[in-house]
Amino acid sequence: MSRLIHMLRWDAVIQARSGFWIAALVASSPWAAVLFSLSQKQADFVLPAMIFLDVSLIGTMFMAGVYFLEKNEGSLHALAITPMKTWEWLVSKLLTLTFLATVMSVALMVSKKGWSAPWGYALIAFVCINVTFTMIGFLLASPFDRFTNFIVVNSFVFAILNLPSLAFFDIHSPLYWLLPSQPALLMLRGAFDGMPFTTFAGYFAIQLVWMGALFVLCIRQFHRNVSQRLGG
């Protein structure tokens, strides 16, 4: 536990010094500008979709940024020869990046809905979306040596994973359930539109299964694409 706490502190400092918080503000600013120009009714309609896209973007891109930053600086090599466990490295990234994305999402909601927003369901949905996309970001980034190569693949995969967001505009398909983003998106919709607790809990349970599977894949991917390359 002490190693994880140390890693959390280290990641928080590095991400702040490397401009991740500034980048998050820049990424969220266009959404805030659009919301500012809309009426309350229009904003209520588009806000869930905006938050979903913003959180998922921060998850994939920022995780890739952290991965390539540490790879270029040699931090990943140090991890391979220290007692730090792979799961501790991954959990630290998930916690720090999810906190960052959640702060941005809360700011977007407060800017248009104030503090009376449905925070219970919404915060759970924010966390699930970011954790899911952060792990996907690692899975997409780890096979590559350069960020530019990752961008090409991520653009394609990101578009597919965000297809369920079309449901906000009444474009539905049962194929959305093949994607790990579907349950979390429904949770987010439930936060805004109202949803029975049992329905929300069901979506949450499905999302937990997806996140568990992605976590296992990330650990395996780390050992395959990071530890073995570095001789760990």
Protein backbone atom coordinates (compact mmCIF):
# COMPACT_ATOMS: atom_id res chain seq x y z
CA MET A 1 0.00 0.00 0.00
CA SER A 2 2.86 2.40 0.76
CA ARG A 3 4.25 1.82 -2.75
CA LEU A 4 0.86 2.68 -4.26
CA ILE A 5 0.57 5.85 -2.19
CA HIS A 6 4.07 6.89 -3.26
CA MET A 7 3.17 6.21 -6.89
CA LEU A 8 -0.03 8.24 -6.58
CA ARG A 9 1.90 11.22 -5.27
CA TRP A 10 4.52 10.85 -7.97
CA ASP A 11 1.94 10.60 -10.76
CA ALA A 12 -0.03 13.59 -9.48
CA VAL A 13 3.11 15.75 -9.42
CA ILE A 14 4.38 14.59 -12.82
CA GLN A 15 1.02 15.07 -14.48
CA ALA A 16 0.72 18.58 -13.07
CA ARG A 17 4.27 19.53 -14.06
CA SER A 18 3.82 18.05 -17.53
CA GLY A 19 0.78 20.20 -18.22
CA PHE A 20 -1.91 17.54 -18.12
CA TRP A 21 -4.28 19.77 -16.16
CA ILE A 22 -3.74 22.63 -18.60
CA ALA A 23 -4.33 20.26 -21.50
CA ALA A 24 -7.55 19.06 -19.89
CA LEU A 25 -8.75 22.63 -19.52
CA VAL A 26 -7.95 23.31 -23.17
CA ALA A 27 -9.76 20.13 -24.24
CA SER A 28 -12.84 21.00 -22.18
CA SER A 29 -12.97 24.70 -23.09
CA PRO A 30 -14.70 24.24 -26.47
CA TRP A 31 -17.47 22.25 -24.79
CA ALA A 32 -17.85 24.98 -22.16
CA ALA A 33 -18.01 27.66 -24.88
CA VAL A 34 -20.74 25.77 -26.72
CA LEU A 35 -22.73 25.25 -23.53
CA PHE A 36 -22.47 28.95 -22.71
CA SER A 37 -24.09 29.83 -26.03
CA LEU A 38 -27.02 27.43 -25.62
CA SER A 39 -30.29 27.81 -23.81
CA GLN A 40 -30.88 25.67 -20.73
CA LYS A 41 -33.15 23.30 -22.67
CA GLN A 42 -30.60 22.89 -25.48
CA ALA A 43 -27.78 22.42 -22.99
CA ASP A 44 -29.70 19.73 -21.12
CA PHE A 45 -30.00 17.84 -24.41
CA VAL A 46 -26.34 17.95 -25.48
CA LEU A 47 -24.58 18.00 -22.09
CA PRO A 48 -24.50 14.20 -21.55
CA ALA A 49 -23.03 13.61 -25.01
CA MET A 50 -20.44 16.33 -24.46
CA ILE A 51 -19.38 14.89 -21.13
CA PHE A 52 -19.17 11.38 -22.56
CA LEU A 53 -16.92 12.53 -25.42
CA ASP A 54 -14.80 14.73 -23.14
CA VAL A 55 -14.23 12.06 -20.49
CA SER A 56 -13.51 9.33 -23.04
CA LEU A 57 -11.07 11.58 -24.89
CA ILE A 58 -9.18 12.44 -21.70
CA GLY A 59 -9.07 8.77 -20.80
CA THR A 60 -7.51 7.48 -24.02
CA MET A 61 -5.27 10.40 -24.97
CA PHE A 62 -3.94 11.23 -21.52
CA MET A 63 -3.17 7.62 -20.67
CA ALA A 64 -1.23 7.35 -23.92
CA GLY A 65 0.53 10.59 -23.07
CA VAL A 66 1.54 9.26 -19.64
CA TYR A 67 2.73 5.99 -21.14
CA PHE A 68 4.93 7.57 -23.81
CA LEU A 69 6.21 10.20 -21.37
CA GLU A 70 7.38 7.55 -18.92
CA LYS A 71 8.73 5.39 -21.72
CA ASN A 72 10.82 8.20 -23.16
CA GLU A 73 12.10 9.25 -19.74
CA GLY A 74 13.04 5.70 -18.77
CA SER A 75 10.56 5.44 -15.89
CA LEU A 76 9.10 2.23 -17.29
CA HIS A 77 12.54 0.66 -17.30
CA ALA A 78 12.96 1.63 -13.65
CA LEU A 79 9.59 0.04 -12.88
CA ALA A 80 10.76 -3.24 -14.42
CA ILE A 81 13.66 -3.49 -11.95
CA THR A 82 11.93 -2.24 -8.77
CA PRO A 83 9.52 -3.97 -6.34
CA MET A 84 6.65 -1.88 -7.75
CA LYS A 85 3.90 -4.17 -8.98
CA THR A 86 2.34 -3.74 -12.40
CA TRP A 87 -1.14 -3.44 -10.92
CA GLU A 88 0.05 -0.65 -8.62
CA TRP A 89 1.40 1.26 -11.61
CA LEU A 90 -1.88 0.83 -13.47
CA VAL A 91 -4.15 1.65 -10.51
CA SER A 92 -2.17 4.82 -9.84
CA LYS A 93 -2.70 5.97 -13.42
CA LEU A 94 -6.39 5.11 -13.27
CA LEU A 95 -6.95 7.01 -10.03
CA THR A 96 -5.05 10.17 -10.96
CA LEU A 97 -6.40 10.45 -14.50
CA THR A 98 -9.94 9.65 -13.39
CA PHE A 99 -9.74 12.37 -10.76
CA LEU A 100 -8.61 14.84 -13.44
CA ALA A 101 -11.41 13.87 -15.84
CA THR A 102 -14.02 13.94 -13.09
CA VAL A 103 -13.04 17.47 -12.10
CA MET A 104 -13.46 18.59 -15.72
CA SER A 105 -16.84 16.86 -15.98
CA VAL A 106 -18.08 18.38 -12.74
CA ALA A 107 -17.01 21.82 -14.00
CA LEU A 108 -19.00 21.33 -17.21
CA MET A 109 -22.10 20.26 -15.31
CA VAL A 110 -21.89 23.06 -12.78
CA SER A 111 -21.44 25.63 -15.56
CA LYS A 112 -24.93 24.92 -16.88
CA LYS A 113 -26.87 22.98 -14.24
CA GLY A 114 -25.40 24.40 -11.05
CA TRP A 115 -24.94 22.28 -7.94
CA SER A 116 -28.43 20.80 -8.23
CA ALA A 117 -27.26 18.28 -10.83
CA PRO A 118 -27.91 14.53 -10.23
CA TRP A 119 -24.49 13.92 -8.71
CA GLY A 120 -24.96 10.38 -7.39
CA TYR A 121 -25.46 8.57 -10.67
CA ALA A 122 -23.41 11.12 -12.60
CA LEU A 123 -20.20 10.71 -10.58
CA ILE A 124 -20.38 6.92 -10.81
CA ALA A 125 -20.87 7.20 -14.57
CA PHE A 126 -17.95 9.65 -14.91
CA VAL A 127 -15.64 7.28 -13.09
CA CYS A 128 -16.72 4.23 -15.07
CA ILE A 129 -16.32 5.99 -18.42
CA ASN A 130 -12.88 7.32 -17.61
CA VAL A 131 -11.55 4.11 -16.07
CA THR A 132 -12.76 2.16 -19.10
CA PHE A 133 -11.27 4.51 -21.67
CA THR A 134 -8.04 4.98 -19.72
CA MET A 135 -7.40 1.25 -19.85
CA ILE A 136 -8.32 1.18 -23.53
CA GLY A 137 -5.83 3.99 -24.05
CA PHE A 138 -3.08 1.88 -22.52
CA LEU A 139 -4.02 -1.17 -24.57
CA LEU A 140 -3.85 0.89 -27.76
CA ALA A 141 -0.63 2.72 -26.87
CA SER A 142 1.55 -0.03 -25.43
CA PRO A 143 2.25 -1.89 -28.71
CA PHE A 144 3.76 1.26 -30.24
CA ASP A 145 7.03 3.10 -29.80
CA ARG A 146 5.74 6.50 -30.91
CA PHE A 147 2.73 8.62 -30.03
CA THR A 148 2.08 9.41 -33.71
CA ASN A 149 1.58 5.72 -34.50
CA PHE A 150 -0.87 5.43 -31.63
CA ILE A 151 -2.90 8.38 -32.91
CA VAL A 152 -3.74 6.64 -36.17
CA VAL A 153 -5.09 3.52 -34.48
CA ASN A 154 -6.78 5.46 -31.68
CA SER A 155 -8.72 7.64 -34.10
CA PHE A 156 -10.32 4.57 -35.65
CA VAL A 157 -11.00 2.72 -32.38
CA PHE A 158 -12.19 5.87 -30.59
CA ALA A 159 -14.77 6.49 -33.30
CA ILE A 160 -16.11 2.95 -32.93
CA LEU A 161 -16.22 3.09 -29.14
CA ASN A 162 -18.15 6.34 -29.27
CA LEU A 163 -20.86 4.98 -31.57
CA PRO A 164 -23.20 4.42 -28.57
CA SER A 165 -23.25 8.20 -28.09
CA LEU A 166 -25.46 8.33 -31.21
CA ALA A 167 -28.22 7.10 -28.91
CA PHE A 168 -28.38 10.65 -27.52
CA PHE A 169 -29.76 11.58 -30.96
CA ASP A 170 -32.16 8.61 -31.09
CA ILE A 171 -29.92 6.46 -33.30
CA HIS A 172 -30.03 3.06 -31.62
CA SER A 173 -28.58 -0.35 -32.39
CA PRO A 174 -28.30 -3.61 -30.43
CA LEU A 175 -24.73 -3.82 -31.72
CA TYR A 176 -23.78 -1.13 -29.21
CA TRP A 177 -23.82 -3.85 -26.55
CA LEU A 178 -20.72 -5.35 -28.14
CA LEU A 179 -18.76 -2.30 -26.98
CA PRO A 180 -17.45 -1.67 -23.44
CA SER A 181 -18.65 1.93 -23.62
CA GLN A 182 -22.36 1.05 -23.86
CA PRO A 183 -23.22 0.32 -20.19
CA ALA A 184 -21.38 3.40 -18.94
CA LEU A 185 -23.12 5.60 -21.47
CA LEU A 186 -26.51 4.27 -20.37
CA MET A 187 -25.52 5.02 -16.78
CA LEU A 188 -24.75 8.60 -17.80
CA ARG A 189 -28.08 8.92 -19.60
CA GLY A 190 -29.79 7.57 -16.51
CA ALA A 191 -28.16 10.26 -14.42
CA PHE A 192 -29.74 12.96 -16.58
CA ASP A 193 -33.02 11.37 -17.62
CA GLY A 194 -33.83 9.52 -14.43
CA MET A 195 -33.50 5.77 -14.01
CA PRO A 196 -34.67 3.20 -11.47
CA PHE A 197 -31.93 2.12 -9.11
CA THR A 198 -32.19 -1.53 -10.15
CA THR A 199 -31.69 -0.63 -13.81
CA PHE A 200 -28.73 1.58 -13.01
CA ALA A 201 -27.23 -1.14 -10.80
CA GLY A 202 -27.59 -3.64 -13.63
CA TYR A 203 -25.70 -1.42 -16.05
CA PHE A 204 -23.09 -0.79 -13.37
CA ALA A 205 -22.61 -4.52 -12.84
CA ILE A 206 -22.08 -5.06 -16.57
CA GLN A 207 -19.59 -2.19 -16.67
CA LEU A 208 -17.69 -3.71 -13.75
CA VAL A 209 -17.30 -6.91 -15.74
CA TRP A 210 -15.93 -4.94 -18.69
CA MET A 211 -13.54 -3.03 -16.45
CA GLY A 212 -12.33 -6.21 -14.79
CA ALA A 213 -11.65 -7.81 -18.17
CA LEU A 214 -9.84 -4.71 -19.42
CA PHE A 215 -7.74 -4.58 -16.24
CA VAL A 216 -6.58 -8.16 -16.77
CA LEU A 217 -5.79 -7.40 -20.41
CA CYS A 218 -3.78 -4.34 -19.38
CA ILE A 219 -1.68 -6.36 -16.95
CA ARG A 220 -0.98 -8.97 -19.62
CA GLN A 221 -0.26 -6.29 -22.21
CA PHE A 222 2.16 -4.60 -19.85
CA HIS A 223 4.15 -7.79 -19.35
CA ARG A 224 4.08 -8.58 -23.07
CA ASN A 225 4.87 -5.16 -24.51
CA VAL A 226 6.77 -3.47 -21.70
CA SER A 227 8.42 -5.91 -19.29
CA GLN A 228 9.60 -8.37 -21.95
CA ARG A 229 10.94 -5.60 -24.17
CA LEU A 230 12.91 -4.18 -21.27
CA GLY A 231 14.09 -7.55 -20.12
CA GLY A 232 11.82 -7.57 -17.02
